Structures are given as C-alpha cells and as structure tokens.
Amino acid sequence: DTTGIAGLKPGPLKSATVRALRKAGATA
C-alpha cells in the first residue's frame, strides 16, 4: 500500500526512497 510513503514522493528524499525500496525488495 503506497499511502504510507505518499509524503516522501515529491521531496528531496524521493531518489533515496526508491533506492531503499529496490534494495529491500531485492533482499526479500
């Protein structure tokens, strides 16, 4: 559910969030 991370989308942390999600998904 992407509503939990909706606040992080437009800000400066977007690229860091995408990298963290990719890494977490790959590890899982």
mmCIF file of all heavy atoms, coordinates in Angstrom:
data_MODEL
# 
_entry.id   MODEL 
# 
loop_
_atom_site.group_PDB 
_atom_site.id 
_atom_site.type_symbol 
_atom_site.label_atom_id 
_atom_site.label_alt_id 
_atom_site.label_comp_id 
_atom_site.label_asym_id 
_atom_site.label_entity_id 
_atom_site.label_seq_id 
_atom_site.pdbx_PDB_ins_code 
_atom_site.Cartn_x 
_atom_site.Cartn_y 
_atom_site.Cartn_z 
_atom_site.occupancy 
_atom_site.B_iso_or_equiv 
_atom_site.pdbx_formal_charge 
_atom_site.auth_seq_id 
_atom_site.auth_comp_id 
_atom_site.auth_asym_id 
_atom_site.auth_atom_id 
_atom_site.pdbx_PDB_model_num 
ATOM 1   N N   . ASP A 1 1  ? 0.857  -1.173  0.000   1.00 0.00 ? 1  ASP A N   1 
ATOM 2   C CA  . ASP A 1 1  ? 0.000  0.000   0.000   1.00 0.00 ? 1  ASP A CA  1 
ATOM 3   C C   . ASP A 1 1  ? 0.902  1.234   0.000   1.00 0.00 ? 1  ASP A C   1 
ATOM 4   O O   . ASP A 1 1  ? 1.667  1.449   0.941   1.00 0.00 ? 1  ASP A O   1 
ATOM 5   C CB  . ASP A 1 1  ? -0.897 -0.023  1.240   1.00 0.00 ? 1  ASP A CB  1 
ATOM 6   C CG  . ASP A 1 1  ? -1.885 1.125   1.254   1.00 0.00 ? 1  ASP A CG  1 
ATOM 7   O OD1 . ASP A 1 1  ? -2.103 1.731   0.190   1.00 0.00 ? 1  ASP A OD1 1 
ATOM 8   O OD2 . ASP A 1 1  ? -2.438 1.405   2.331   1.00 0.00 ? 1  ASP A OD2 1 
ATOM 9   N N   . THR A 1 2  ? 0.818  2.050   -1.034  1.00 0.00 ? 2  THR A N   1 
ATOM 10  C CA  . THR A 1 2  ? 1.725  3.195   -1.179  1.00 0.00 ? 2  THR A CA  1 
ATOM 11  C C   . THR A 1 2  ? 1.275  4.423   -0.405  1.00 0.00 ? 2  THR A C   1 
ATOM 12  O O   . THR A 1 2  ? 1.969  5.437   -0.434  1.00 0.00 ? 2  THR A O   1 
ATOM 13  C CB  . THR A 1 2  ? 1.888  3.564   -2.660  1.00 0.00 ? 2  THR A CB  1 
ATOM 14  O OG1 . THR A 1 2  ? 0.601  3.895   -3.185  1.00 0.00 ? 2  THR A OG1 1 
ATOM 15  C CG2 . THR A 1 2  ? 2.526  2.444   -3.441  1.00 0.00 ? 2  THR A CG2 1 
ATOM 16  N N   . THR A 1 3  ? 0.151  4.364   0.295   1.00 0.00 ? 3  THR A N   1 
ATOM 17  C CA  . THR A 1 3  ? -0.307 5.538   1.033   1.00 0.00 ? 3  THR A CA  1 
ATOM 18  C C   . THR A 1 3  ? 0.628  5.873   2.193   1.00 0.00 ? 3  THR A C   1 
ATOM 19  O O   . THR A 1 3  ? 0.738  7.034   2.589   1.00 0.00 ? 3  THR A O   1 
ATOM 20  C CB  . THR A 1 3  ? -1.734 5.331   1.567   1.00 0.00 ? 3  THR A CB  1 
ATOM 21  O OG1 . THR A 1 3  ? -1.756 4.164   2.402   1.00 0.00 ? 3  THR A OG1 1 
ATOM 22  C CG2 . THR A 1 3  ? -2.723 5.174   0.430   1.00 0.00 ? 3  THR A CG2 1 
ATOM 23  N N   . GLY A 1 4  ? 1.316  4.894   2.728   1.00 0.00 ? 4  GLY A N   1 
ATOM 24  C CA  . GLY A 1 4  ? 2.234  5.130   3.840   1.00 0.00 ? 4  GLY A CA  1 
ATOM 25  C C   . GLY A 1 4  ? 3.460  5.928   3.444   1.00 0.00 ? 4  GLY A C   1 
ATOM 26  O O   . GLY A 1 4  ? 4.058  6.610   4.277   1.00 0.00 ? 4  GLY A O   1 
ATOM 27  N N   . ILE A 1 5  ? 3.845  5.875   2.192   1.00 0.00 ? 5  ILE A N   1 
ATOM 28  C CA  . ILE A 1 5  ? 5.030  6.612   1.747   1.00 0.00 ? 5  ILE A CA  1 
ATOM 29  C C   . ILE A 1 5  ? 4.663  7.750   0.807   1.00 0.00 ? 5  ILE A C   1 
ATOM 30  O O   . ILE A 1 5  ? 5.509  8.299   0.123   1.00 0.00 ? 5  ILE A O   1 
ATOM 31  C CB  . ILE A 1 5  ? 6.033  5.668   1.051   1.00 0.00 ? 5  ILE A CB  1 
ATOM 32  C CG1 . ILE A 1 5  ? 5.382  4.930   -0.109  1.00 0.00 ? 5  ILE A CG1 1 
ATOM 33  C CG2 . ILE A 1 5  ? 6.643  4.704   2.040   1.00 0.00 ? 5  ILE A CG2 1 
ATOM 34  C CD1 . ILE A 1 5  ? 6.338  4.141   -0.938  1.00 0.00 ? 5  ILE A CD1 1 
ATOM 35  N N   . ALA A 1 6  ? 3.382  8.148   0.800   1.00 0.00 ? 6  ALA A N   1 
ATOM 36  C CA  . ALA A 1 6  ? 2.918  9.202   -0.101  1.00 0.00 ? 6  ALA A CA  1 
ATOM 37  C C   . ALA A 1 6  ? 3.597  10.536  0.202   1.00 0.00 ? 6  ALA A C   1 
ATOM 38  O O   . ALA A 1 6  ? 3.838  11.332  -0.703  1.00 0.00 ? 6  ALA A O   1 
ATOM 39  C CB  . ALA A 1 6  ? 1.407  9.355   -0.011  1.00 0.00 ? 6  ALA A CB  1 
ATOM 40  N N   . GLY A 1 7  ? 3.940  10.803  1.445   1.00 0.00 ? 7  GLY A N   1 
ATOM 41  C CA  . GLY A 1 7  ? 4.570  12.067  1.809   1.00 0.00 ? 7  GLY A CA  1 
ATOM 42  C C   . GLY A 1 7  ? 6.000  12.184  1.316   1.00 0.00 ? 7  GLY A C   1 
ATOM 43  O O   . GLY A 1 7  ? 6.539  13.285  1.220   1.00 0.00 ? 7  GLY A O   1 
ATOM 44  N N   . LEU A 1 8  ? 6.645  11.102  0.995   1.00 0.00 ? 8  LEU A N   1 
ATOM 45  C CA  . LEU A 1 8  ? 8.036  11.134  0.570   1.00 0.00 ? 8  LEU A CA  1 
ATOM 46  C C   . LEU A 1 8  ? 8.196  11.307  -0.941  1.00 0.00 ? 8  LEU A C   1 
ATOM 47  O O   . LEU A 1 8  ? 9.303  11.522  -1.421  1.00 0.00 ? 8  LEU A O   1 
ATOM 48  C CB  . LEU A 1 8  ? 8.746  9.847   0.999   1.00 0.00 ? 8  LEU A CB  1 
ATOM 49  C CG  . LEU A 1 8  ? 8.840  9.585   2.492   1.00 0.00 ? 8  LEU A CG  1 
ATOM 50  C CD1 . LEU A 1 8  ? 9.426  8.215   2.729   1.00 0.00 ? 8  LEU A CD1 1 
ATOM 51  C CD2 . LEU A 1 8  ? 9.691  10.645  3.164   1.00 0.00 ? 8  LEU A CD2 1 
ATOM 52  N N   . LYS A 1 9  ? 7.130  11.205  -1.695  1.00 0.00 ? 9  LYS A N   1 
ATOM 53  C CA  . LYS A 1 9  ? 7.230  11.232  -3.159  1.00 0.00 ? 9  LYS A CA  1 
ATOM 54  C C   . LYS A 1 9  ? 7.814  12.525  -3.723  1.00 0.00 ? 9  LYS A C   1 
ATOM 55  O O   . LYS A 1 9  ? 8.781  12.479  -4.460  1.00 0.00 ? 9  LYS A O   1 
ATOM 56  C CB  . LYS A 1 9  ? 5.868  10.959  -3.787  1.00 0.00 ? 9  LYS A CB  1 
ATOM 57  C CG  . LYS A 1 9  ? 5.425  9.540   -3.642  1.00 0.00 ? 9  LYS A CG  1 
ATOM 58  C CD  . LYS A 1 9  ? 4.088  9.366   -4.286  1.00 0.00 ? 9  LYS A CD  1 
ATOM 59  C CE  . LYS A 1 9  ? 3.523  8.011   -3.933  1.00 0.00 ? 9  LYS A CE  1 
ATOM 60  N NZ  . LYS A 1 9  ? 2.161  7.861   -4.391  1.00 0.00 ? 9  LYS A NZ  1 
ATOM 61  N N   . PRO A 1 10 ? 7.273  13.701  -3.413  1.00 0.00 ? 10 PRO A N   1 
ATOM 62  C CA  . PRO A 1 10 ? 7.757  14.888  -4.113  1.00 0.00 ? 10 PRO A CA  1 
ATOM 63  C C   . PRO A 1 10 ? 9.039  15.488  -3.557  1.00 0.00 ? 10 PRO A C   1 
ATOM 64  O O   . PRO A 1 10 ? 9.682  16.272  -4.221  1.00 0.00 ? 10 PRO A O   1 
ATOM 65  C CB  . PRO A 1 10 ? 6.596  15.888  -3.954  1.00 0.00 ? 10 PRO A CB  1 
ATOM 66  C CG  . PRO A 1 10 ? 5.928  15.475  -2.688  1.00 0.00 ? 10 PRO A CG  1 
ATOM 67  C CD  . PRO A 1 10 ? 6.117  13.990  -2.575  1.00 0.00 ? 10 PRO A CD  1 
ATOM 68  N N   . GLY A 1 11 ? 9.425  15.135  -2.374  1.00 0.00 ? 11 GLY A N   1 
ATOM 69  C CA  . GLY A 1 11 ? 10.545 15.801  -1.711  1.00 0.00 ? 11 GLY A CA  1 
ATOM 70  C C   . GLY A 1 11 ? 11.908 15.355  -2.193  1.00 0.00 ? 11 GLY A C   1 
ATOM 71  O O   . GLY A 1 11 ? 12.054 14.572  -3.140  1.00 0.00 ? 11 GLY A O   1 
ATOM 72  N N   . PRO A 1 12 ? 12.936 15.869  -1.532  1.00 0.00 ? 12 PRO A N   1 
ATOM 73  C CA  . PRO A 1 12 ? 14.312 15.544  -1.923  1.00 0.00 ? 12 PRO A CA  1 
ATOM 74  C C   . PRO A 1 12 ? 14.710 14.106  -1.582  1.00 0.00 ? 12 PRO A C   1 
ATOM 75  O O   . PRO A 1 12 ? 15.742 13.637  -2.036  1.00 0.00 ? 12 PRO A O   1 
ATOM 76  C CB  . PRO A 1 12 ? 15.146 16.539  -1.107  1.00 0.00 ? 12 PRO A CB  1 
ATOM 77  C CG  . PRO A 1 12 ? 14.306 16.850  0.073   1.00 0.00 ? 12 PRO A CG  1 
ATOM 78  C CD  . PRO A 1 12 ? 12.880 16.793  -0.404  1.00 0.00 ? 12 PRO A CD  1 
ATOM 79  N N   . LEU A 1 13 ? 13.875 13.426  -0.822  1.00 0.00 ? 13 LEU A N   1 
ATOM 80  C CA  . LEU A 1 13 ? 14.205 12.050  -0.437  1.00 0.00 ? 13 LEU A CA  1 
ATOM 81  C C   . LEU A 1 13 ? 13.647 11.007  -1.402  1.00 0.00 ? 13 LEU A C   1 
ATOM 82  O O   . LEU A 1 13 ? 13.736 9.817   -1.142  1.00 0.00 ? 13 LEU A O   1 
ATOM 83  C CB  . LEU A 1 13 ? 13.673 11.755  0.968   1.00 0.00 ? 13 LEU A CB  1 
ATOM 84  C CG  . LEU A 1 13 ? 14.262 12.598  2.095   1.00 0.00 ? 13 LEU A CG  1 
ATOM 85  C CD1 . LEU A 1 13 ? 13.587 12.260  3.400   1.00 0.00 ? 13 LEU A CD1 1 
ATOM 86  C CD2 . LEU A 1 13 ? 15.754 12.369  2.193   1.00 0.00 ? 13 LEU A CD2 1 
ATOM 87  N N   . LYS A 1 14 ? 13.080 11.469  -2.513  1.00 0.00 ? 14 LYS A N   1 
ATOM 88  C CA  . LYS A 1 14 ? 12.457 10.519  -3.447  1.00 0.00 ? 14 LYS A CA  1 
ATOM 89  C C   . LYS A 1 14 ? 13.460 9.504   -3.994  1.00 0.00 ? 14 LYS A C   1 
ATOM 90  O O   . LYS A 1 14 ? 13.201 8.302   -3.990  1.00 0.00 ? 14 LYS A O   1 
ATOM 91  C CB  . LYS A 1 14 ? 11.797 11.249  -4.604  1.00 0.00 ? 14 LYS A CB  1 
ATOM 92  C CG  . LYS A 1 14 ? 11.123 10.270  -5.552  1.00 0.00 ? 14 LYS A CG  1 
ATOM 93  C CD  . LYS A 1 14 ? 10.468 10.958  -6.710  1.00 0.00 ? 14 LYS A CD  1 
ATOM 94  C CE  . LYS A 1 14 ? 9.733  9.892   -7.489  1.00 0.00 ? 14 LYS A CE  1 
ATOM 95  N NZ  . LYS A 1 14 ? 9.828  9.836   -8.831  1.00 0.00 ? 14 LYS A NZ  1 
ATOM 96  N N   . SER A 1 15 ? 14.612 9.972   -4.433  1.00 0.00 ? 15 SER A N   1 
ATOM 97  C CA  . SER A 1 15 ? 15.588 9.033   -5.007  1.00 0.00 ? 15 SER A CA  1 
ATOM 98  C C   . SER A 1 15 ? 16.122 8.081   -3.932  1.00 0.00 ? 15 SER A C   1 
ATOM 99  O O   . SER A 1 15 ? 16.347 6.905   -4.208  1.00 0.00 ? 15 SER A O   1 
ATOM 100 C CB  . SER A 1 15 ? 16.732 9.788   -5.673  1.00 0.00 ? 15 SER A CB  1 
ATOM 101 O OG  . SER A 1 15 ? 17.445 10.535  -4.713  1.00 0.00 ? 15 SER A OG  1 
ATOM 102 N N   . ALA A 1 16 ? 16.294 8.573   -2.729  1.00 0.00 ? 16 ALA A N   1 
ATOM 103 C CA  . ALA A 1 16 ? 16.758 7.702   -1.644  1.00 0.00 ? 16 ALA A CA  1 
ATOM 104 C C   . ALA A 1 16 ? 15.691 6.677   -1.293  1.00 0.00 ? 16 ALA A C   1 
ATOM 105 O O   . ALA A 1 16 ? 16.001 5.511   -1.010  1.00 0.00 ? 16 ALA A O   1 
ATOM 106 C CB  . ALA A 1 16 ? 17.107 8.536   -0.413  1.00 0.00 ? 16 ALA A CB  1 
ATOM 107 N N   . THR A 1 17 ? 14.418 7.085   -1.334  1.00 0.00 ? 17 THR A N   1 
ATOM 108 C CA  . THR A 1 17 ? 13.317 6.161   -1.054  1.00 0.00 ? 17 THR A CA  1 
ATOM 109 C C   . THR A 1 17 ? 13.257 5.067   -2.109  1.00 0.00 ? 17 THR A C   1 
ATOM 110 O O   . THR A 1 17 ? 13.084 3.889   -1.792  1.00 0.00 ? 17 THR A O   1 
ATOM 111 C CB  . THR A 1 17 ? 11.983 6.927   -1.015  1.00 0.00 ? 17 THR A CB  1 
ATOM 112 O OG1 . THR A 1 17 ? 12.070 7.977   -0.056  1.00 0.00 ? 17 THR A OG1 1 
ATOM 113 C CG2 . THR A 1 17 ? 10.846 6.008   -0.651  1.00 0.00 ? 17 THR A CG2 1 
ATOM 114 N N   . VAL A 1 18 ? 13.404 5.446   -3.355  1.00 0.00 ? 18 VAL A N   1 
ATOM 115 C CA  . VAL A 1 18 ? 13.379 4.466   -4.451  1.00 0.00 ? 18 VAL A CA  1 
ATOM 116 C C   . VAL A 1 18 ? 14.524 3.478   -4.293  1.00 0.00 ? 18 VAL A C   1 
ATOM 117 O O   . VAL A 1 18 ? 14.331 2.264   -4.432  1.00 0.00 ? 18 VAL A O   1 
ATOM 118 C CB  . VAL A 1 18 ? 13.435 5.180   -5.822  1.00 0.00 ? 18 VAL A CB  1 
ATOM 119 C CG1 . VAL A 1 18 ? 13.666 4.188   -6.949  1.00 0.00 ? 18 VAL A CG1 1 
ATOM 120 C CG2 . VAL A 1 18 ? 12.162 5.958   -6.060  1.00 0.00 ? 18 VAL A CG2 1 
ATOM 121 N N   . ARG A 1 19 ? 15.725 3.966   -3.987  1.00 0.00 ? 19 ARG A N   1 
ATOM 122 C CA  . ARG A 1 19 ? 16.866 3.059   -3.791  1.00 0.00 ? 19 ARG A CA  1 
ATOM 123 C C   . ARG A 1 19 ? 16.630 2.120   -2.617  1.00 0.00 ? 19 ARG A C   1 
ATOM 124 O O   . ARG A 1 19 ? 16.937 0.927   -2.691  1.00 0.00 ? 19 ARG A O   1 
ATOM 125 C CB  . ARG A 1 19 ? 18.142 3.867   -3.579  1.00 0.00 ? 19 ARG A CB  1 
ATOM 126 C CG  . ARG A 1 19 ? 18.739 4.412   -4.842  1.00 0.00 ? 19 ARG A CG  1 
ATOM 127 C CD  . ARG A 1 19 ? 20.176 4.890   -4.660  1.00 0.00 ? 19 ARG A CD  1 
ATOM 128 N NE  . ARG A 1 19 ? 20.414 5.676   -3.464  1.00 0.00 ? 19 ARG A NE  1 
ATOM 129 C CZ  . ARG A 1 19 ? 20.294 6.995   -3.375  1.00 0.00 ? 19 ARG A CZ  1 
ATOM 130 N NH1 . ARG A 1 19 ? 19.938 7.684   -4.443  1.00 0.00 ? 19 ARG A NH1 1 
ATOM 131 N NH2 . ARG A 1 19 ? 20.539 7.635   -2.251  1.00 0.00 ? 19 ARG A NH2 1 
ATOM 132 N N   . ALA A 1 20 ? 16.093 2.659   -1.518  1.00 0.00 ? 20 ALA A N   1 
ATOM 133 C CA  . ALA A 1 20 ? 15.844 1.832   -0.336  1.00 0.00 ? 20 ALA A CA  1 
ATOM 134 C C   . ALA A 1 20 ? 14.794 0.770   -0.627  1.00 0.00 ? 20 ALA A C   1 
ATOM 135 O O   . ALA A 1 20 ? 14.925 -0.379  -0.194  1.00 0.00 ? 20 ALA A O   1 
ATOM 136 C CB  . ALA A 1 20 ? 15.402 2.711   0.829   1.00 0.00 ? 20 ALA A CB  1 
ATOM 137 N N   . LEU A 1 21 ? 13.748 1.141   -1.372  1.00 0.00 ? 21 LEU A N   1 
ATOM 138 C CA  . LEU A 1 21 ? 12.705 0.168   -1.719  1.00 0.00 ? 21 LEU A CA  1 
ATOM 139 C C   . LEU A 1 21 ? 13.254 -0.920  -2.637  1.00 0.00 ? 21 LEU A C   1 
ATOM 140 O O   . LEU A 1 21 ? 12.939 -2.100  -2.476  1.00 0.00 ? 21 LEU A O   1 
ATOM 141 C CB  . LEU A 1 21 ? 11.525 0.874   -2.385  1.00 0.00 ? 21 LEU A CB  1 
ATOM 142 C CG  . LEU A 1 21 ? 10.669 1.741   -1.472  1.00 0.00 ? 21 LEU A CG  1 
ATOM 143 C CD1 . LEU A 1 21 ? 9.638  2.504   -2.282  1.00 0.00 ? 21 LEU A CD1 1 
ATOM 144 C CD2 . LEU A 1 21 ? 9.989  0.886   -0.415  1.00 0.00 ? 21 LEU A CD2 1 
ATOM 145 N N   . ARG A 1 22 ? 14.069 -0.519  -3.612  1.00 0.00 ? 22 ARG A N   1 
ATOM 146 C CA  . ARG A 1 22 ? 14.675 -1.518  -4.509  1.00 0.00 ? 22 ARG A CA  1 
ATOM 147 C C   . ARG A 1 22 ? 15.536 -2.504  -3.730  1.00 0.00 ? 22 ARG A C   1 
ATOM 148 O O   . ARG A 1 22 ? 15.483 -3.708  -3.951  1.00 0.00 ? 22 ARG A O   1 
ATOM 149 C CB  . ARG A 1 22 ? 15.534 -0.835  -5.565  1.00 0.00 ? 22 ARG A CB  1 
ATOM 150 C CG  . ARG A 1 22 ? 14.778 -0.266  -6.708  1.00 0.00 ? 22 ARG A CG  1 
ATOM 151 C CD  . ARG A 1 22 ? 15.789 0.295   -7.716  1.00 0.00 ? 22 ARG A CD  1 
ATOM 152 N NE  . ARG A 1 22 ? 15.112 0.912   -8.814  1.00 0.00 ? 22 ARG A NE  1 
ATOM 153 C CZ  . ARG A 1 22 ? 14.625 0.234   -9.856  1.00 0.00 ? 22 ARG A CZ  1 
ATOM 154 N NH1 . ARG A 1 22 ? 14.753 -1.050  -9.910  1.00 0.00 ? 22 ARG A NH1 1 
ATOM 155 N NH2 . ARG A 1 22 ? 14.010 0.869   -10.822 1.00 0.00 ? 22 ARG A NH2 1 
ATOM 156 N N   . LYS A 1 23 ? 16.356 -1.977  -2.829  1.00 0.00 ? 23 LYS A N   1 
ATOM 157 C CA  . LYS A 1 23 ? 17.254 -2.830  -2.057  1.00 0.00 ? 23 LYS A CA  1 
ATOM 158 C C   . LYS A 1 23 ? 16.470 -3.756  -1.130  1.00 0.00 ? 23 LYS A C   1 
ATOM 159 O O   . LYS A 1 23 ? 16.778 -4.948  -1.017  1.00 0.00 ? 23 LYS A O   1 
ATOM 160 C CB  . LYS A 1 23 ? 18.229 -1.974  -1.253  1.00 0.00 ? 23 LYS A CB  1 
ATOM 161 C CG  . LYS A 1 23 ? 19.236 -2.792  -0.510  1.00 0.00 ? 23 LYS A CG  1 
ATOM 162 C CD  . LYS A 1 23 ? 20.347 -1.941  0.024   1.00 0.00 ? 23 LYS A CD  1 
ATOM 163 C CE  . LYS A 1 23 ? 21.221 -2.827  0.865   1.00 0.00 ? 23 LYS A CE  1 
ATOM 164 N NZ  . LYS A 1 23 ? 22.581 -2.749  0.639   1.00 0.00 ? 23 LYS A NZ  1 
ATOM 165 N N   . ALA A 1 24 ? 15.439 -3.223  -0.473  1.00 0.00 ? 24 ALA A N   1 
ATOM 166 C CA  . ALA A 1 24 ? 14.630 -4.039  0.432   1.00 0.00 ? 24 ALA A CA  1 
ATOM 167 C C   . ALA A 1 24 ? 13.898 -5.142  -0.338  1.00 0.00 ? 24 ALA A C   1 
ATOM 168 O O   . ALA A 1 24 ? 13.829 -6.294  0.106   1.00 0.00 ? 24 ALA A O   1 
ATOM 169 C CB  . ALA A 1 24 ? 13.634 -3.165  1.181   1.00 0.00 ? 24 ALA A CB  1 
ATOM 170 N N   . GLY A 1 25 ? 13.359 -4.784  -1.506  1.00 0.00 ? 25 GLY A N   1 
ATOM 171 C CA  . GLY A 1 25 ? 12.656 -5.788  -2.314  1.00 0.00 ? 25 GLY A CA  1 
ATOM 172 C C   . GLY A 1 25 ? 13.592 -6.868  -2.829  1.00 0.00 ? 25 GLY A C   1 
ATOM 173 O O   . GLY A 1 25 ? 13.256 -8.058  -2.821  1.00 0.00 ? 25 GLY A O   1 
ATOM 174 N N   . ALA A 1 26 ? 14.791 -6.476  -3.265  1.00 0.00 ? 26 ALA A N   1 
ATOM 175 C CA  . ALA A 1 26 ? 15.762 -7.454  -3.769  1.00 0.00 ? 26 ALA A CA  1 
ATOM 176 C C   . ALA A 1 26 ? 16.213 -8.393  -2.649  1.00 0.00 ? 26 ALA A C   1 
ATOM 177 O O   . ALA A 1 26 ? 16.370 -9.600  -2.866  1.00 0.00 ? 26 ALA A O   1 
ATOM 178 C CB  . ALA A 1 26 ? 16.964 -6.738  -4.373  1.00 0.00 ? 26 ALA A CB  1 
ATOM 179 N N   . THR A 1 27 ? 16.397 -7.834  -1.456  1.00 0.00 ? 27 THR A N   1 
ATOM 180 C CA  . THR A 1 27 ? 16.790 -8.671  -0.318  1.00 0.00 ? 27 THR A CA  1 
ATOM 181 C C   . THR A 1 27 ? 15.680 -9.655  0.035   1.00 0.00 ? 27 THR A C   1 
ATOM 182 O O   . THR A 1 27 ? 15.940 -10.833 0.305   1.00 0.00 ? 27 THR A O   1 
ATOM 183 C CB  . THR A 1 27 ? 17.114 -7.781  0.898   1.00 0.00 ? 27 THR A CB  1 
ATOM 184 O OG1 . THR A 1 27 ? 18.166 -6.893  0.542   1.00 0.00 ? 27 THR A OG1 1 
ATOM 185 C CG2 . THR A 1 27 ? 17.536 -8.615  2.084   1.00 0.00 ? 27 THR A CG2 1 
ATOM 186 N N   . ALA A 1 28 ? 14.432 -9.195  0.014   1.00 0.00 ? 28 ALA A N   1 
ATOM 187 C CA  . ALA A 1 28 ? 13.301 -10.078 0.311   1.00 0.00 ? 28 ALA A CA  1 
ATOM 188 C C   . ALA A 1 28 ? 13.197 -11.197 -0.717  1.00 0.00 ? 28 ALA A C   1 
ATOM 189 O O   . ALA A 1 28 ? 12.975 -12.365 -0.358  1.00 0.00 ? 28 ALA A O   1 
ATOM 190 C CB  . ALA A 1 28 ? 12.008 -9.274  0.362   1.00 0.00 ? 28 ALA A CB  1 
# 
